[in-house]
């Protein structure tokens, strides 16, 4: 079963109390690693200066894994191995096992459902979920590809993020494919984020975080800049992808549970697999930056970030669900956000922002699992996996 707490299928959960001691040990900087890093800095400082007007002289010293850093590293970013972060390479390998395109999924029944079976209220839900997601995945792509990836100083991290950029583009293609196949007015759907305040607010919050680190002059050796970078990374990994996307899919899954828009839901199930890895990878990177840089986070700023995200999600939920549809309501959507936010906070090692929030949609994790049998002679095979079996439990 797909697990947000164990996306690589290791059998370990971030929430498992037995792992508390292990996490505590992992959070402590290794004195040997710290000393190696200082040695790397000293070697760079002692290297002969390049003559004026010439390119910097490259050290002929071999790259040592212990010298690598997530950010502000001094090793050769073109040399993949030896790995400092083998887990990042495992993320890349696992991501490549979830290979698909939106053309693999039959959407014929969705066309029939939308035009002849959905109520006006259900169409309102469907259209606005797509309107939000179309813009959001473009922002996710720009964040990783333009603001984050170039700041990584270990190539094994960049390689997974390169795959992530591709996946965000693939997700955008998927939403466009749904909109085009159903026959929706593309200009109207794509512009809703500009004219619907409840959608626009979430986009503007995201844009603000993106533009705070999308600057050519950013210097992550500056503690304030590095702290802001980490806050932005936490937002995108834990809130934007880890909570807002998760909740963003659930209204479509609610329609699927009624036997409606099953093709679109299946598309989102494939996207969900990608997003599980994006969220988990981002949280892992943030925790590694904590270890390597000992960044003290402003707990009040973290609290404001959760509260702002929850307020925006609440407004959005009440807009797309002014009245409940069968098995789904704005209240359940909001409560599920709070429950998921607590999970993300625990994974980060932070205090739960919404203590006591209940799992309002107990079917959601199961719904997000793609375990279907297809008749080979009646449909295209979309369950293929390259590079071996893909385990999500």
Protein backbone atom coordinates (compact mmCIF):
# COMPACT_ATOMS: atom_id res chain seq x y z
CA UNK A 1 0.00 0.00 0.00
CA UNK A 2 1.22 3.50 -0.84
CA UNK A 3 2.48 5.19 2.31
CA UNK A 4 3.18 8.88 2.75
CA UNK A 5 5.39 7.94 5.71
CA UNK A 6 7.42 5.29 3.86
CA UNK A 7 7.37 6.10 0.12
CA UNK A 8 10.39 3.95 -0.73
CA UNK A 9 8.88 0.84 0.82
CA UNK A 10 11.54 0.31 3.48
CA UNK A 11 9.01 -0.93 6.02
CA UNK A 12 9.83 1.97 8.34
CA UNK A 13 7.49 4.84 9.14
CA UNK A 14 8.53 8.32 10.24
CA UNK A 15 5.76 8.09 12.83
CA UNK A 16 7.08 4.82 14.33
CA UNK A 17 8.17 5.56 17.91
CA UNK A 18 10.82 2.87 17.65
CA UNK A 19 12.66 5.08 15.20
CA UNK A 20 12.87 8.06 17.56
CA UNK A 21 16.34 7.15 18.79
CA UNK A 22 17.51 6.44 15.25
CA UNK A 23 16.23 9.83 14.04
CA UNK A 24 17.87 11.54 17.00
CA UNK A 25 21.21 9.97 16.15
CA UNK A 26 20.83 10.91 12.49
CA UNK A 27 20.13 14.51 13.44
CA UNK A 28 23.46 14.87 15.25
CA UNK A 29 26.32 16.14 13.07
CA UNK A 30 29.04 13.54 12.70
CA UNK A 31 32.29 15.03 14.08
CA UNK A 32 34.29 13.14 11.46
CA UNK A 33 32.12 14.55 8.67
CA UNK A 34 32.32 18.06 10.11
CA UNK A 35 36.11 17.85 10.33
CA UNK A 36 36.26 16.51 6.75
CA UNK A 37 34.17 19.44 5.58
CA UNK A 38 36.50 21.88 7.30
CA UNK A 39 39.40 20.11 5.66
CA UNK A 40 37.75 20.57 2.27
CA UNK A 41 37.33 24.29 2.97
CA UNK A 42 40.97 24.59 3.97
CA UNK A 43 42.10 22.81 0.82
CA UNK A 44 40.08 25.21 -1.31
CA UNK A 45 41.41 28.24 0.56
CA UNK A 46 45.00 27.04 0.15
CA UNK A 47 44.67 26.37 -3.59
CA UNK A 48 46.77 28.70 -5.78
CA UNK A 49 44.85 31.74 -6.97
CA UNK A 50 43.96 31.94 -10.65
CA UNK A 51 45.65 34.65 -12.69
CA UNK A 52 43.41 37.66 -13.30
CA UNK A 53 41.10 37.22 -16.26
CA UNK A 54 41.33 33.43 -16.37
CA UNK A 55 38.88 30.75 -15.33
CA UNK A 56 39.20 29.42 -11.74
CA UNK A 57 41.78 26.69 -11.50
CA UNK A 58 40.21 23.31 -10.74
CA UNK A 59 41.71 21.21 -7.99
CA UNK A 60 43.22 17.94 -9.18
CA UNK A 61 42.36 16.32 -5.84
CA UNK A 62 39.86 13.43 -5.92
CA UNK A 63 36.31 14.12 -4.72
CA UNK A 64 35.58 12.63 -1.30
CA UNK A 65 31.97 11.75 -0.47
CA UNK A 66 32.26 13.22 3.02
CA UNK A 67 33.11 16.63 1.55
CA UNK A 68 29.79 16.94 -0.27
CA UNK A 69 27.01 19.20 1.02
CA UNK A 70 23.38 19.79 0.05
CA UNK A 71 24.08 23.53 -0.36
CA UNK A 72 27.27 25.58 -0.17
CA UNK A 73 29.39 22.54 -1.01
CA UNK A 74 32.88 22.94 -2.48
CA UNK A 75 33.28 19.64 -4.34
CA UNK A 76 32.95 19.15 -8.09
CA UNK A 77 29.21 19.19 -8.86
CA UNK A 78 29.84 17.28 -12.10
CA UNK A 79 31.03 14.12 -10.34
CA UNK A 80 28.16 11.85 -9.31
CA UNK A 81 30.02 9.18 -7.33
CA UNK A 82 31.11 8.49 -4.69
CA UNK A 83 27.67 9.22 -3.24
CA UNK A 84 27.29 11.34 -0.14
CA UNK A 85 23.51 10.88 -0.32
CA UNK A 86 22.76 7.37 -1.66
CA UNK A 87 19.12 7.82 -0.62
CA UNK A 88 18.78 10.55 -3.29
CA UNK A 89 19.89 8.08 -5.96
CA UNK A 90 17.34 5.57 -4.65
CA UNK A 91 14.62 8.21 -5.04
CA UNK A 92 15.68 8.69 -8.66
CA UNK A 93 15.64 4.96 -9.39
CA UNK A 94 12.24 4.52 -7.76
CA UNK A 95 10.77 7.50 -9.60
CA UNK A 96 11.68 5.93 -12.92
CA UNK A 97 9.60 2.86 -12.08
CA UNK A 98 6.41 4.97 -12.15
CA UNK A 99 6.56 5.67 -15.88
CA UNK A 100 3.36 6.70 -17.67
CA UNK A 101 1.73 9.32 -19.88
CA UNK A 102 -1.87 10.62 -19.86
CA UNK A 103 -2.45 8.96 -23.23
CA UNK A 104 -2.25 5.55 -21.54
CA UNK A 105 -5.62 6.04 -19.84
CA UNK A 106 -9.01 5.78 -21.53
CA UNK A 107 -11.05 8.97 -21.00
CA UNK A 108 -14.10 8.06 -23.12
CA UNK A 109 -16.35 7.39 -20.12
CA UNK A 110 -15.32 10.68 -18.53
CA UNK A 111 -16.65 12.57 -21.54
CA UNK A 112 -19.98 10.78 -21.15
CA UNK A 113 -20.02 11.34 -17.38
CA UNK A 114 -19.25 15.05 -17.55
CA UNK A 115 -21.85 15.90 -20.19
CA UNK A 116 -24.63 13.52 -19.16
CA UNK A 117 -24.21 12.30 -15.59
CA UNK A 118 -22.58 14.99 -13.45
CA UNK A 119 -24.83 17.43 -11.63
CA UNK A 120 -24.04 21.17 -11.94
CA UNK A 121 -22.56 21.01 -8.46
CA UNK A 122 -20.29 18.10 -9.38
CA UNK A 123 -19.18 19.90 -12.55
CA UNK A 124 -18.33 22.92 -10.40
CA UNK A 125 -16.10 20.73 -8.22
CA UNK A 126 -14.43 19.02 -11.19
CA UNK A 127 -13.72 22.21 -13.14
CA UNK A 128 -12.30 24.17 -10.22
CA UNK A 129 -10.06 21.38 -9.04
CA UNK A 130 -8.53 21.29 -12.54
CA UNK A 131 -8.36 25.09 -12.61
CA UNK A 132 -6.26 25.08 -9.45
CA UNK A 133 -4.04 22.16 -10.40
CA UNK A 134 -3.16 23.44 -13.90
CA UNK A 135 -1.42 26.50 -12.50
CA UNK A 136 -0.03 24.80 -9.40
CA UNK A 137 2.07 22.22 -11.21
CA UNK A 138 3.62 24.93 -13.38
CA UNK A 139 4.66 26.66 -10.15
CA UNK A 140 6.03 23.37 -8.79
CA UNK A 141 8.06 22.90 -11.99
CA UNK A 142 9.47 26.44 -11.85
CA UNK A 143 10.32 26.14 -8.17
CA UNK A 144 12.39 22.98 -8.54
CA UNK A 145 13.83 23.72 -11.98
CA UNK A 146 14.67 27.41 -11.59
CA UNK A 147 14.88 28.23 -7.88
CA UNK A 148 16.03 25.06 -6.10
CA UNK A 149 17.93 22.70 -8.35
CA UNK A 150 20.75 25.10 -9.27
CA UNK A 151 21.47 25.70 -5.58
CA UNK A 152 22.14 22.02 -4.87
CA UNK A 153 25.85 21.19 -4.69
CA UNK A 154 25.63 17.39 -4.84
CA UNK A 155 24.74 15.94 -8.26
CA UNK A 156 22.78 12.99 -6.88
CA UNK A 157 20.28 15.53 -5.52
CA UNK A 158 20.11 17.42 -8.80
CA UNK A 159 19.54 14.26 -10.81
CA UNK A 160 16.40 13.35 -8.85
CA UNK A 161 15.21 16.94 -9.09
CA UNK A 162 15.71 16.86 -12.86
CA UNK A 163 13.32 13.92 -12.93
CA UNK A 164 10.96 15.89 -10.70
CA UNK A 165 10.94 18.80 -13.18
CA UNK A 166 9.94 16.36 -15.92
CA UNK A 167 7.19 14.92 -13.75
CA UNK A 168 5.73 18.35 -12.98
CA UNK A 169 5.61 19.04 -16.72
CA UNK A 170 3.95 15.64 -17.23
CA UNK A 171 1.33 16.49 -14.62
CA UNK A 172 0.59 19.77 -16.37
CA UNK A 173 0.15 17.85 -19.63
CA UNK A 174 -2.24 15.50 -17.79
CA UNK A 175 -4.53 18.31 -16.62
CA UNK A 176 -4.45 19.85 -20.09
CA UNK A 177 -5.30 16.45 -21.59
CA UNK A 178 -8.32 16.14 -19.27
CA UNK A 179 -9.52 19.67 -20.07
CA UNK A 180 -9.10 19.17 -23.81
CA UNK A 181 -10.67 15.69 -23.85
CA UNK A 182 -13.74 16.78 -21.89
CA UNK A 183 -14.15 19.77 -24.19
CA UNK A 184 -13.89 22.52 -21.56
CA UNK A 185 -13.21 26.14 -22.47
CA UNK A 186 -9.44 26.24 -22.00
CA UNK A 187 -9.16 30.02 -21.75
CA UNK A 188 -11.87 30.15 -19.10
CA UNK A 189 -10.50 27.25 -17.02
CA UNK A 190 -6.90 28.44 -17.13
CA UNK A 191 -7.88 31.99 -16.17
CA UNK A 192 -9.91 31.02 -13.12
CA UNK A 193 -6.89 31.35 -10.87
CA UNK A 194 -6.80 35.03 -11.91
CA UNK A 195 -10.49 35.77 -11.33
CA UNK A 196 -11.58 33.40 -8.54
CA UNK A 197 -10.24 34.87 -5.25
CA UNK A 198 -10.29 31.52 -3.42
CA UNK A 199 -8.01 29.94 -6.05
CA UNK A 200 -5.94 33.07 -6.54
CA UNK A 201 -5.06 33.31 -2.84
CA UNK A 202 -3.36 29.90 -2.85
CA UNK A 203 -1.47 30.78 -6.03
CA UNK A 204 -0.31 34.13 -4.63
CA UNK A 205 0.98 32.53 -1.42
CA UNK A 206 2.94 30.07 -3.56
CA UNK A 207 4.24 32.80 -5.85
CA UNK A 208 5.48 34.78 -2.87
CA UNK A 209 7.49 31.81 -1.60
CA UNK A 210 8.87 31.10 -5.07
CA UNK A 211 9.97 34.66 -5.80
CA UNK A 212 11.67 34.97 -2.41
CA UNK A 213 14.31 32.48 -3.61
CA UNK A 214 14.10 32.98 -7.40
CA UNK A 215 16.85 35.61 -7.41
CA UNK A 216 20.20 35.66 -9.15
CA UNK A 217 21.91 37.40 -6.22
CA UNK A 218 20.87 34.96 -3.49
CA UNK A 219 23.79 33.91 -1.28
CA UNK A 220 23.11 30.82 0.83
CA UNK A 221 26.25 31.48 2.86
CA UNK A 222 24.21 34.26 4.44
CA UNK A 223 22.32 32.76 7.39
CA UNK A 224 19.18 34.81 6.76
CA UNK A 225 19.10 33.83 3.09
CA UNK A 226 19.67 30.17 3.94
CA UNK A 227 16.89 30.24 6.54
CA UNK A 228 14.51 31.79 4.00
CA UNK A 229 15.52 29.14 1.44
CA UNK A 230 14.76 26.38 3.95
CA UNK A 231 11.40 27.95 4.83
CA UNK A 232 10.49 28.04 1.14
CA UNK A 233 11.59 24.43 0.70
CA UNK A 234 9.47 23.40 3.70
CA UNK A 235 6.49 25.21 2.20
CA UNK A 236 6.78 23.54 -1.20
CA UNK A 237 7.55 20.04 0.09
CA UNK A 238 5.33 19.82 3.17
CA UNK A 239 2.46 22.20 2.42
CA UNK A 240 2.20 22.79 -1.32
CA UNK A 241 2.86 19.22 -2.46
CA UNK A 242 2.44 17.37 0.83
CA UNK A 243 -0.92 18.91 1.83
CA UNK A 244 -2.48 21.11 -0.85
CA UNK A 245 -1.91 18.63 -3.68
CA UNK A 246 -3.03 15.75 -1.51
CA UNK A 247 -6.26 17.55 -0.71
CA UNK A 248 -6.45 18.81 -4.27
CA UNK A 249 -6.88 15.27 -5.59
CA UNK A 250 -9.38 14.03 -3.04
CA UNK A 251 -12.54 15.70 -4.51
CA UNK A 252 -11.89 13.85 -7.79
CA UNK A 253 -11.38 10.62 -5.88
CA UNK A 254 -14.73 11.27 -4.18
CA UNK A 255 -16.38 11.40 -7.62
CA UNK A 256 -14.58 8.20 -8.56
CA UNK A 257 -16.06 6.50 -5.50
CA UNK A 258 -19.46 7.23 -7.03
CA UNK A 259 -18.40 5.63 -10.31
CA UNK A 260 -17.84 9.01 -12.00
CA UNK A 261 -14.85 10.52 -13.84
CA UNK A 262 -12.83 7.35 -13.30
CA UNK A 263 -10.34 8.13 -16.07
CA UNK A 264 -9.43 11.47 -14.54
CA UNK A 265 -9.13 9.84 -11.12
CA UNK A 266 -6.78 7.22 -12.51
CA UNK A 267 -4.63 9.97 -14.01
CA UNK A 268 -4.45 11.56 -10.56
CA UNK A 269 -3.52 8.24 -8.99
CA UNK A 270 -0.39 8.14 -11.14
CA UNK A 271 0.33 11.76 -10.22
CA UNK A 272 -0.15 10.88 -6.55
CA UNK A 273 2.66 8.33 -6.78
CA UNK A 274 4.99 11.05 -8.04
CA UNK A 275 3.89 13.53 -5.39
CA UNK A 276 4.56 11.05 -2.59
CA UNK A 277 8.19 10.98 -3.65
CA UNK A 278 8.41 14.75 -4.20
CA UNK A 279 7.13 15.43 -0.69
CA UNK A 280 9.32 12.79 0.97
CA UNK A 281 12.43 13.86 -0.94
CA UNK A 282 11.92 17.52 -0.07
CA UNK A 283 11.49 16.74 3.62
CA UNK A 284 14.63 14.57 3.55
CA UNK A 285 16.62 17.38 1.93
CA UNK A 286 15.40 19.94 4.48
CA UNK A 287 16.34 17.66 7.39
CA UNK A 288 19.79 17.15 5.89
CA UNK A 289 20.27 20.92 5.62
CA UNK A 290 19.31 21.15 9.30
CA UNK A 291 22.04 18.65 10.19
CA UNK A 292 24.74 20.29 8.06
CA UNK A 293 24.02 23.91 8.92
CA UNK A 294 22.37 23.87 12.36
CA UNK A 295 19.70 26.35 11.29
CA UNK A 296 17.51 27.66 14.13
CA UNK A 297 13.99 28.00 12.74
CA UNK A 298 11.67 30.74 13.91
CA UNK A 299 8.82 28.75 15.48
CA UNK A 300 6.48 31.75 15.21
CA UNK A 301 7.19 31.96 11.46
CA UNK A 302 6.49 28.22 11.10
CA UNK A 303 3.20 28.69 12.97
CA UNK A 304 2.20 31.59 10.68
CA UNK A 305 3.00 29.49 7.62
CA UNK A 306 0.71 26.65 8.75
CA UNK A 307 -2.09 29.06 9.72
CA UNK A 308 -1.92 30.94 6.42
CA UNK A 309 -2.02 27.66 4.48
CA UNK A 310 -4.96 26.37 6.53
CA UNK A 311 -6.94 29.61 6.07
CA UNK A 312 -6.38 29.56 2.29
CA UNK A 313 -7.34 25.88 2.07
CA UNK A 314 -10.51 26.53 4.09
CA UNK A 315 -11.62 29.33 1.76
CA UNK A 316 -10.86 27.15 -1.28
CA UNK A 317 -12.80 24.20 0.17
CA UNK A 318 -15.87 26.32 0.85
CA UNK A 319 -15.74 27.71 -2.68
CA UNK A 320 -15.52 24.37 -4.50
CA UNK A 321 -17.93 22.68 -2.06
CA UNK A 322 -20.58 25.25 -1.06
CA UNK A 323 -22.82 22.24 -0.41
CA UNK A 324 -21.68 18.67 0.23
CA UNK A 325 -21.60 16.13 -2.54
CA UNK A 326 -22.17 12.47 -1.76
CA UNK A 327 -19.49 11.43 0.73
CA UNK A 328 -17.57 14.71 0.67
CA UNK A 329 -17.91 18.17 2.22
CA UNK A 330 -15.89 21.34 2.81
CA UNK A 331 -15.59 20.42 6.49
CA UNK A 332 -14.11 17.00 5.71
CA UNK A 333 -11.72 18.59 3.21
CA UNK A 334 -10.49 21.11 5.79
CA UNK A 335 -10.14 18.52 8.54
CA UNK A 336 -8.19 16.25 6.21
CA UNK A 337 -5.80 19.13 5.48
CA UNK A 338 -5.17 19.54 9.22
CA UNK A 339 -4.64 15.81 9.68
CA UNK A 340 -2.19 15.68 6.77
CA UNK A 341 -0.39 18.81 8.01
CA UNK A 342 0.26 17.04 11.31
CA UNK A 343 1.82 14.13 9.43
CA UNK A 344 4.09 16.42 7.44
CA UNK A 345 5.15 18.28 10.61
CA UNK A 346 6.02 15.00 12.37
CA UNK A 347 8.14 13.94 9.40
CA UNK A 348 10.02 17.23 9.66
CA UNK A 349 10.51 16.79 13.39
CA UNK A 350 8.33 19.82 14.11
CA UNK A 351 5.44 20.33 16.48
CA UNK A 352 2.02 19.32 15.13
CA UNK A 353 0.19 22.49 14.02
CA UNK A 354 -3.32 21.08 14.54
CA UNK A 355 -3.29 18.66 17.51
CA UNK A 356 -6.21 16.27 17.56
CA UNK A 357 -7.14 16.66 13.89
CA UNK A 358 -8.88 13.49 12.77
CA UNK A 359 -8.47 11.47 9.61
CA UNK A 360 -11.69 12.69 7.99
CA UNK A 361 -11.20 10.67 4.79
CA UNK A 362 -10.03 7.22 5.93
CA UNK A 363 -10.50 5.92 2.38
CA UNK A 364 -8.04 8.40 0.88
CA UNK A 365 -4.80 6.46 1.30
CA UNK A 366 -6.43 3.34 -0.11
CA UNK A 367 -8.04 5.36 -2.91
CA UNK A 368 -4.65 6.72 -3.87
CA UNK A 369 -3.28 3.23 -4.44
CA UNK A 370 -3.22 2.09 -8.03
CA UNK A 371 -3.92 -1.62 -7.78
CA UNK A 372 -6.08 -2.61 -10.72
CA UNK A 373 -6.28 -5.57 -13.04
CA UNK A 374 -6.81 -4.79 -16.71
CA UNK A 375 -8.01 -7.05 -19.50
CA UNK A 376 -5.10 -7.08 -21.93
CA UNK A 377 -7.43 -7.41 -24.93
CA UNK A 378 -9.73 -4.53 -23.94
CA UNK A 379 -7.41 -1.74 -22.83
CA UNK A 380 -3.87 -0.55 -23.04
CA UNK A 381 -1.60 -1.94 -20.39
CA UNK A 382 -0.86 0.95 -17.99
CA UNK A 383 0.45 -1.14 -15.11
CA UNK A 384 3.87 -1.57 -16.65
CA UNK A 385 6.91 -0.69 -14.59
CA UNK A 386 10.41 -0.35 -15.93
CA UNK A 387 13.45 -1.48 -14.01
CA UNK A 388 11.75 -4.05 -11.82
CA UNK A 389 8.83 -4.27 -9.43
CA UNK A 390 7.64 -1.08 -7.72
CA UNK A 391 6.75 -1.55 -4.08
CA UNK A 392 4.68 1.08 -2.29
CA UNK A 393 4.08 -0.71 1.00
